[in-house]
């Protein structure tokens, strides 16, 4: 199998984000993981849950692609359209949090009460994601198109999908760090 030229870099970045998430949030109690400054703002635990859910939505798209069952809309064959949607996707998940983005339904975290073992679940998920990317490396290409897990009209390359996963993790690490900085001391020390 030919190795994708960016695979080692992506895996390294995913490993770095795993380490950063675990170092920053693994020690949090269930109460701290679920603390929210306002009802409409996610908790640290919800941020982590969201990252897991989003990453896992791509598994079915790659399975459909591998099995030949992935149905692409006609506009997926028009070269600039997948590039346009892919670049739009990358822009929407960039680390720049000054632009607020609304999450769509398939990617919503659990409403509340994230279990205290979410960081253990995250760690297991990241190992699974690494294995998933390696086992599907032959499908990752700027010319291989999939539909978005959120909307089958949106099409982009598998390469841009993986890039978006990596960047998305960084965006939400920053978000979770911002939350950690404002969790009240009594909740942190509980």
C-alpha atoms as a PDB file:
ATOM      1  CA  UNK A   1       0.000   0.000   0.000  1.00  0.00           C
ATOM      2  CA  UNK A   2       1.282   3.446  -0.921  1.00  0.00           C
ATOM      3  CA  UNK A   3       1.547   5.807   1.999  1.00  0.00           C
ATOM      4  CA  UNK A   4      -0.278   9.110   1.777  1.00  0.00           C
ATOM      5  CA  UNK A   5       2.341  11.897   1.943  1.00  0.00           C
ATOM      6  CA  UNK A   6       0.507  13.657   4.810  1.00  0.00           C
ATOM      7  CA  UNK A   7      -0.405  10.576   6.868  1.00  0.00           C
ATOM      8  CA  UNK A   8       2.543  10.680   9.277  1.00  0.00           C
ATOM      9  CA  UNK A   9       2.016  14.399   9.843  1.00  0.00           C
ATOM     10  CA  UNK A  10      -1.720  13.915  10.498  1.00  0.00           C
ATOM     11  CA  UNK A  11      -1.075  11.056  12.906  1.00  0.00           C
ATOM     12  CA  UNK A  12       1.581  13.080  14.701  1.00  0.00           C
ATOM     13  CA  UNK A  13      -0.832  16.006  15.052  1.00  0.00           C
ATOM     14  CA  UNK A  14      -3.587  13.701  16.289  1.00  0.00           C
ATOM     15  CA  UNK A  15      -1.177  12.176  18.826  1.00  0.00           C
ATOM     16  CA  UNK A  16      -0.208  15.664  19.993  1.00  0.00           C
ATOM     17  CA  UNK A  17      -3.850  16.653  20.398  1.00  0.00           C
ATOM     18  CA  UNK A  18      -4.576  13.432  22.294  1.00  0.00           C
ATOM     19  CA  UNK A  19      -1.726  14.174  24.675  1.00  0.00           C
ATOM     20  CA  UNK A  20      -2.841  17.787  25.095  1.00  0.00           C
ATOM     21  CA  UNK A  21      -6.484  16.839  25.777  1.00  0.00           C
ATOM     22  CA  UNK A  22      -5.481  14.184  28.307  1.00  0.00           C
ATOM     23  CA  UNK A  23      -2.976  16.404  30.100  1.00  0.00           C
ATOM     24  CA  UNK A  24      -5.442  19.284  30.325  1.00  0.00           C
ATOM     25  CA  UNK A  25      -8.705  17.507  31.121  1.00  0.00           C
ATOM     26  CA  UNK A  26      -8.083  13.951  32.363  1.00  0.00           C
ATOM     27  CA  UNK A  27      -7.832  15.088  35.979  1.00  0.00           C
ATOM     28  CA  UNK A  28     -11.209  16.875  35.933  1.00  0.00           C
ATOM     29  CA  UNK A  29     -13.982  15.483  38.089  1.00  0.00           C
ATOM     30  CA  UNK A  30     -17.317  14.601  36.557  1.00  0.00           C
ATOM     31  CA  UNK A  31     -18.716  17.788  38.084  1.00  0.00           C
ATOM     32  CA  UNK A  32     -15.987  19.906  36.473  1.00  0.00           C
ATOM     33  CA  UNK A  33     -16.359  18.133  33.116  1.00  0.00           C
ATOM     34  CA  UNK A  34     -20.080  18.976  33.148  1.00  0.00           C
ATOM     35  CA  UNK A  35     -19.820  22.555  34.427  1.00  0.00           C
ATOM     36  CA  UNK A  36     -21.228  25.149  32.020  1.00  0.00           C
ATOM     37  CA  UNK A  37     -20.989  28.931  32.396  1.00  0.00           C
ATOM     38  CA  UNK A  38     -24.412  29.286  30.722  1.00  0.00           C
ATOM     39  CA  UNK A  39     -27.062  26.844  29.560  1.00  0.00           C
ATOM     40  CA  UNK A  40     -26.308  27.480  25.870  1.00  0.00           C
ATOM     41  CA  UNK A  41     -22.536  26.957  26.173  1.00  0.00           C
ATOM     42  CA  UNK A  42     -21.019  23.493  26.102  1.00  0.00           C
ATOM     43  CA  UNK A  43     -19.108  22.040  29.013  1.00  0.00           C
ATOM     44  CA  UNK A  44     -15.584  20.626  28.613  1.00  0.00           C
ATOM     45  CA  UNK A  45     -17.126  17.145  28.622  1.00  0.00           C
ATOM     46  CA  UNK A  46     -19.561  18.107  25.871  1.00  0.00           C
ATOM     47  CA  UNK A  47     -16.712  19.515  23.770  1.00  0.00           C
ATOM     48  CA  UNK A  48     -14.854  16.198  24.057  1.00  0.00           C
ATOM     49  CA  UNK A  49     -18.053  14.227  23.336  1.00  0.00           C
ATOM     50  CA  UNK A  50     -18.644  16.380  20.240  1.00  0.00           C
ATOM     51  CA  UNK A  51     -15.113  15.722  18.918  1.00  0.00           C
ATOM     52  CA  UNK A  52     -15.635  11.959  19.300  1.00  0.00           C
ATOM     53  CA  UNK A  53     -19.061  12.062  17.628  1.00  0.00           C
ATOM     54  CA  UNK A  54     -17.885  14.137  14.690  1.00  0.00           C
ATOM     55  CA  UNK A  55     -14.869  11.934  14.025  1.00  0.00           C
ATOM     56  CA  UNK A  56     -16.974   8.774  14.177  1.00  0.00           C
ATOM     57  CA  UNK A  57     -19.479  10.072  11.613  1.00  0.00           C
ATOM     58  CA  UNK A  58     -16.790   9.699   8.971  1.00  0.00           C
ATOM     59  CA  UNK A  59     -16.453   5.946   9.562  1.00  0.00           C
ATOM     60  CA  UNK A  60     -19.697   5.162   7.752  1.00  0.00           C
ATOM     61  CA  UNK A  61     -18.777   7.418   4.803  1.00  0.00           C
ATOM     62  CA  UNK A  62     -15.486   5.600   4.307  1.00  0.00           C
ATOM     63  CA  UNK A  63     -17.212   2.208   4.698  1.00  0.00           C
ATOM     64  CA  UNK A  64     -19.760   3.206   2.043  1.00  0.00           C
ATOM     65  CA  UNK A  65     -16.931   4.370  -0.207  1.00  0.00           C
ATOM     66  CA  UNK A  66     -14.943   1.148   0.225  1.00  0.00           C
ATOM     67  CA  UNK A  67     -17.998  -1.043  -0.400  1.00  0.00           C
ATOM     68  CA  UNK A  68     -19.046   0.928  -3.495  1.00  0.00           C
ATOM     69  CA  UNK A  69     -22.333   1.958  -1.868  1.00  0.00           C
ATOM     70  CA  UNK A  70     -21.542   5.678  -1.563  1.00  0.00           C
ATOM     71  CA  UNK A  71     -23.942   7.638  -3.753  1.00  0.00           C
ATOM     72  CA  UNK A  72     -22.549  10.960  -4.905  1.00  0.00           C
ATOM     73  CA  UNK A  73     -24.704  13.769  -6.273  1.00  0.00           C
ATOM     74  CA  UNK A  74     -24.056  14.770  -9.883  1.00  0.00           C
ATOM     75  CA  UNK A  75     -22.295  17.985  -8.899  1.00  0.00           C
ATOM     76  CA  UNK A  76     -19.563  15.909  -7.184  1.00  0.00           C
ATOM     77  CA  UNK A  77     -18.125  15.352 -10.688  1.00  0.00           C
ATOM     78  CA  UNK A  78     -17.598  19.082 -11.239  1.00  0.00           C
ATOM     79  CA  UNK A  79     -14.019  19.589 -10.034  1.00  0.00           C
ATOM     80  CA  UNK A  80     -14.337  23.010  -8.453  1.00  0.00           C
ATOM     81  CA  UNK A  81     -17.410  22.088  -6.374  1.00  0.00           C
ATOM     82  CA  UNK A  82     -15.723  19.520  -4.094  1.00  0.00           C
ATOM     83  CA  UNK A  83     -12.772  21.912  -3.713  1.00  0.00           C
ATOM     84  CA  UNK A  84     -15.137  24.764  -2.865  1.00  0.00           C
ATOM     85  CA  UNK A  85     -17.021  22.744  -0.224  1.00  0.00           C
ATOM     86  CA  UNK A  86     -13.776  21.278   1.121  1.00  0.00           C
ATOM     87  CA  UNK A  87     -12.240  24.706   1.571  1.00  0.00           C
ATOM     88  CA  UNK A  88     -15.478  25.899   3.169  1.00  0.00           C
ATOM     89  CA  UNK A  89     -15.299  22.955   5.579  1.00  0.00           C
ATOM     90  CA  UNK A  90     -11.682  23.707   6.488  1.00  0.00           C
ATOM     91  CA  UNK A  91     -12.536  27.343   7.088  1.00  0.00           C
ATOM     92  CA  UNK A  92     -15.436  26.412   9.339  1.00  0.00           C
ATOM     93  CA  UNK A  93     -13.286  24.213  11.607  1.00  0.00           C
ATOM     94  CA  UNK A  94     -10.208  26.426  11.713  1.00  0.00           C
ATOM     95  CA  UNK A  95      -8.512  27.182  14.995  1.00  0.00           C
ATOM     96  CA  UNK A  96      -9.675  30.802  14.728  1.00  0.00           C
ATOM     97  CA  UNK A  97     -12.510  30.861  17.231  1.00  0.00           C
ATOM     98  CA  UNK A  98     -13.321  34.522  16.605  1.00  0.00           C
ATOM     99  CA  UNK A  99     -15.748  33.235  13.979  1.00  0.00           C
ATOM    100  CA  UNK A 100     -18.457  31.346  15.847  1.00  0.00           C
ATOM    101  CA  UNK A 101     -19.832  28.328  14.021  1.00  0.00           C
ATOM    102  CA  UNK A 102     -23.135  26.589  14.646  1.00  0.00           C
ATOM    103  CA  UNK A 103     -22.906  22.836  14.962  1.00  0.00           C
ATOM    104  CA  UNK A 104     -25.407  20.780  12.984  1.00  0.00           C
ATOM    105  CA  UNK A 105     -27.537  18.027  14.538  1.00  0.00           C
ATOM    106  CA  UNK A 106     -25.458  14.918  13.741  1.00  0.00           C
ATOM    107  CA  UNK A 107     -22.545  16.440  15.643  1.00  0.00           C
ATOM    108  CA  UNK A 108     -24.341  17.689  18.764  1.00  0.00           C
ATOM    109  CA  UNK A 109     -22.824  16.455  22.012  1.00  0.00           C
ATOM    110  CA  UNK A 110     -24.918  14.758  24.646  1.00  0.00           C
ATOM    111  CA  UNK A 111     -27.189  17.321  26.257  1.00  0.00           C
ATOM    112  CA  UNK A 112     -25.592  17.077  29.682  1.00  0.00           C
ATOM    113  CA  UNK A 113     -24.310  14.726  32.327  1.00  0.00           C
ATOM    114  CA  UNK A 114     -21.253  13.503  30.454  1.00  0.00           C
ATOM    115  CA  UNK A 115     -19.824  10.454  32.248  1.00  0.00           C
ATOM    116  CA  UNK A 116     -16.671  10.894  34.293  1.00  0.00           C
ATOM    117  CA  UNK A 117     -14.801   8.456  32.037  1.00  0.00           C
ATOM    118  CA  UNK A 118     -15.173  10.629  28.896  1.00  0.00           C
ATOM    119  CA  UNK A 119     -11.408  11.167  28.728  1.00  0.00           C
ATOM    120  CA  UNK A 120     -10.803   7.417  28.810  1.00  0.00           C
ATOM    121  CA  UNK A 121     -13.402   7.073  26.044  1.00  0.00           C
ATOM    122  CA  UNK A 122     -11.611   9.848  24.131  1.00  0.00           C
ATOM    123  CA  UNK A 123      -8.257   8.061  24.470  1.00  0.00           C
ATOM    124  CA  UNK A 124      -9.735   4.784  23.173  1.00  0.00           C
ATOM    125  CA  UNK A 125     -11.480   6.661  20.385  1.00  0.00           C
ATOM    126  CA  UNK A 126      -8.233   8.268  19.257  1.00  0.00           C
ATOM    127  CA  UNK A 127      -6.501   4.886  19.022  1.00  0.00           C
ATOM    128  CA  UNK A 128      -9.455   3.626  16.989  1.00  0.00           C
ATOM    129  CA  UNK A 129      -9.242   6.731  14.760  1.00  0.00           C
ATOM    130  CA  UNK A 130      -5.526   6.130  14.134  1.00  0.00           C
ATOM    131  CA  UNK A 131      -6.251   2.531  13.111  1.00  0.00           C
ATOM    132  CA  UNK A 132      -9.173   3.657  10.975  1.00  0.00           C
ATOM    133  CA  UNK A 133      -7.051   6.184   9.092  1.00  0.00           C
ATOM    134  CA  UNK A 134      -4.256   3.675   8.524  1.00  0.00           C
ATOM    135  CA  UNK A 135      -6.635   0.991   7.292  1.00  0.00           C
ATOM    136  CA  UNK A 136      -8.314   3.440   4.911  1.00  0.00           C
ATOM    137  CA  UNK A 137      -5.177   5.219   3.769  1.00  0.00           C
ATOM    138  CA  UNK A 138      -5.662   3.946   0.220  1.00  0.00           C
ATOM    139  CA  UNK A 139      -8.940   5.899   0.040  1.00  0.00           C
ATOM    140  CA  UNK A 140      -7.442   9.200   1.163  1.00  0.00           C
ATOM    141  CA  UNK A 141      -6.784  11.321  -1.887  1.00  0.00           C
ATOM    142  CA  UNK A 142      -7.543  14.795  -3.236  1.00  0.00           C
ATOM    143  CA  UNK A 143      -9.399  13.032  -6.073  1.00  0.00           C
ATOM    144  CA  UNK A 144     -11.556  10.685  -3.991  1.00  0.00           C
ATOM    145  CA  UNK A 145     -14.824  12.416  -3.138  1.00  0.00           C
ATOM    146  CA  UNK A 146     -17.272  11.695  -0.305  1.00  0.00           C
ATOM    147  CA  UNK A 147     -20.424  13.373   0.917  1.00  0.00           C
ATOM    148  CA  UNK A 148     -20.490  15.168   4.233  1.00  0.00           C
ATOM    149  CA  UNK A 149     -21.857  13.169   7.170  1.00  0.00           C
ATOM    150  CA  UNK A 150     -24.020  16.230   7.907  1.00  0.00           C
ATOM    151  CA  UNK A 151     -25.474  16.801   4.452  1.00  0.00           C
ATOM    152  CA  UNK A 152     -25.242  14.645   1.310  1.00  0.00           C
ATOM    153  CA  UNK A 153     -25.256  17.757  -0.899  1.00  0.00           C
ATOM    154  CA  UNK A 154     -21.873  18.824   0.479  1.00  0.00           C
ATOM    155  CA  UNK A 155     -19.044  16.981  -1.236  1.00  0.00           C
ATOM    156  CA  UNK A 156     -15.304  17.150  -0.732  1.00  0.00           C
ATOM    157  CA  UNK A 157     -12.219  14.999  -0.972  1.00  0.00           C
ATOM    158  CA  UNK A 158     -11.310  12.369   1.577  1.00  0.00           C
ATOM    159  CA  UNK A 159      -8.008  14.202   1.969  1.00  0.00           C
ATOM    160  CA  UNK A 160      -9.798  17.404   3.008  1.00  0.00           C
ATOM    161  CA  UNK A 161     -12.025  15.386   5.348  1.00  0.00           C
ATOM    162  CA  UNK A 162      -8.989  14.057   7.216  1.00  0.00           C
ATOM    163  CA  UNK A 163      -7.390  17.489   7.285  1.00  0.00           C
ATOM    164  CA  UNK A 164     -10.634  18.878   8.741  1.00  0.00           C
ATOM    165  CA  UNK A 165     -10.670  16.215  11.476  1.00  0.00           C
ATOM    166  CA  UNK A 166      -7.158  17.226  12.538  1.00  0.00           C
ATOM    167  CA  UNK A 167      -7.890  20.970  12.498  1.00  0.00           C
ATOM    168  CA  UNK A 168     -11.265  20.508  14.205  1.00  0.00           C
ATOM    169  CA  UNK A 169      -9.603  18.826  17.190  1.00  0.00           C
ATOM    170  CA  UNK A 170      -7.347  21.847  17.632  1.00  0.00           C
ATOM    171  CA  UNK A 171     -10.272  24.261  17.447  1.00  0.00           C
ATOM    172  CA  UNK A 172     -12.124  22.455  20.196  1.00  0.00           C
ATOM    173  CA  UNK A 173      -9.063  22.032  22.373  1.00  0.00           C
ATOM    174  CA  UNK A 174      -8.856  25.820  22.447  1.00  0.00           C
ATOM    175  CA  UNK A 175     -12.554  26.017  23.292  1.00  0.00           C
ATOM    176  CA  UNK A 176     -12.179  23.510  26.142  1.00  0.00           C
ATOM    177  CA  UNK A 177      -9.119  25.368  27.481  1.00  0.00           C
ATOM    178  CA  UNK A 178     -11.145  28.592  27.534  1.00  0.00           C
ATOM    179  CA  UNK A 179     -13.806  26.795  29.578  1.00  0.00           C
ATOM    180  CA  UNK A 180     -11.252  25.261  31.927  1.00  0.00           C
ATOM    181  CA  UNK A 181      -9.906  28.737  32.679  1.00  0.00           C
ATOM    182  CA  UNK A 182     -13.303  29.903  33.998  1.00  0.00           C
ATOM    183  CA  UNK A 183     -14.446  26.847  35.955  1.00  0.00           C
ATOM    184  CA  UNK A 184     -14.881  28.075  39.536  1.00  0.00           C
ATOM    185  CA  UNK A 185     -12.250  26.890  42.012  1.00  0.00           C
ATOM    186  CA  UNK A 186     -14.821  25.178  44.244  1.00  0.00           C
ATOM    187  CA  UNK A 187     -15.944  23.045  41.251  1.00  0.00           C
ATOM    188  CA  UNK A 188     -12.351  22.263  40.250  1.00  0.00           C
ATOM    189  CA  UNK A 189     -11.418  21.274  43.797  1.00  0.00           C
ATOM    190  CA  UNK A 190     -14.559  19.250  44.435  1.00  0.00           C
END
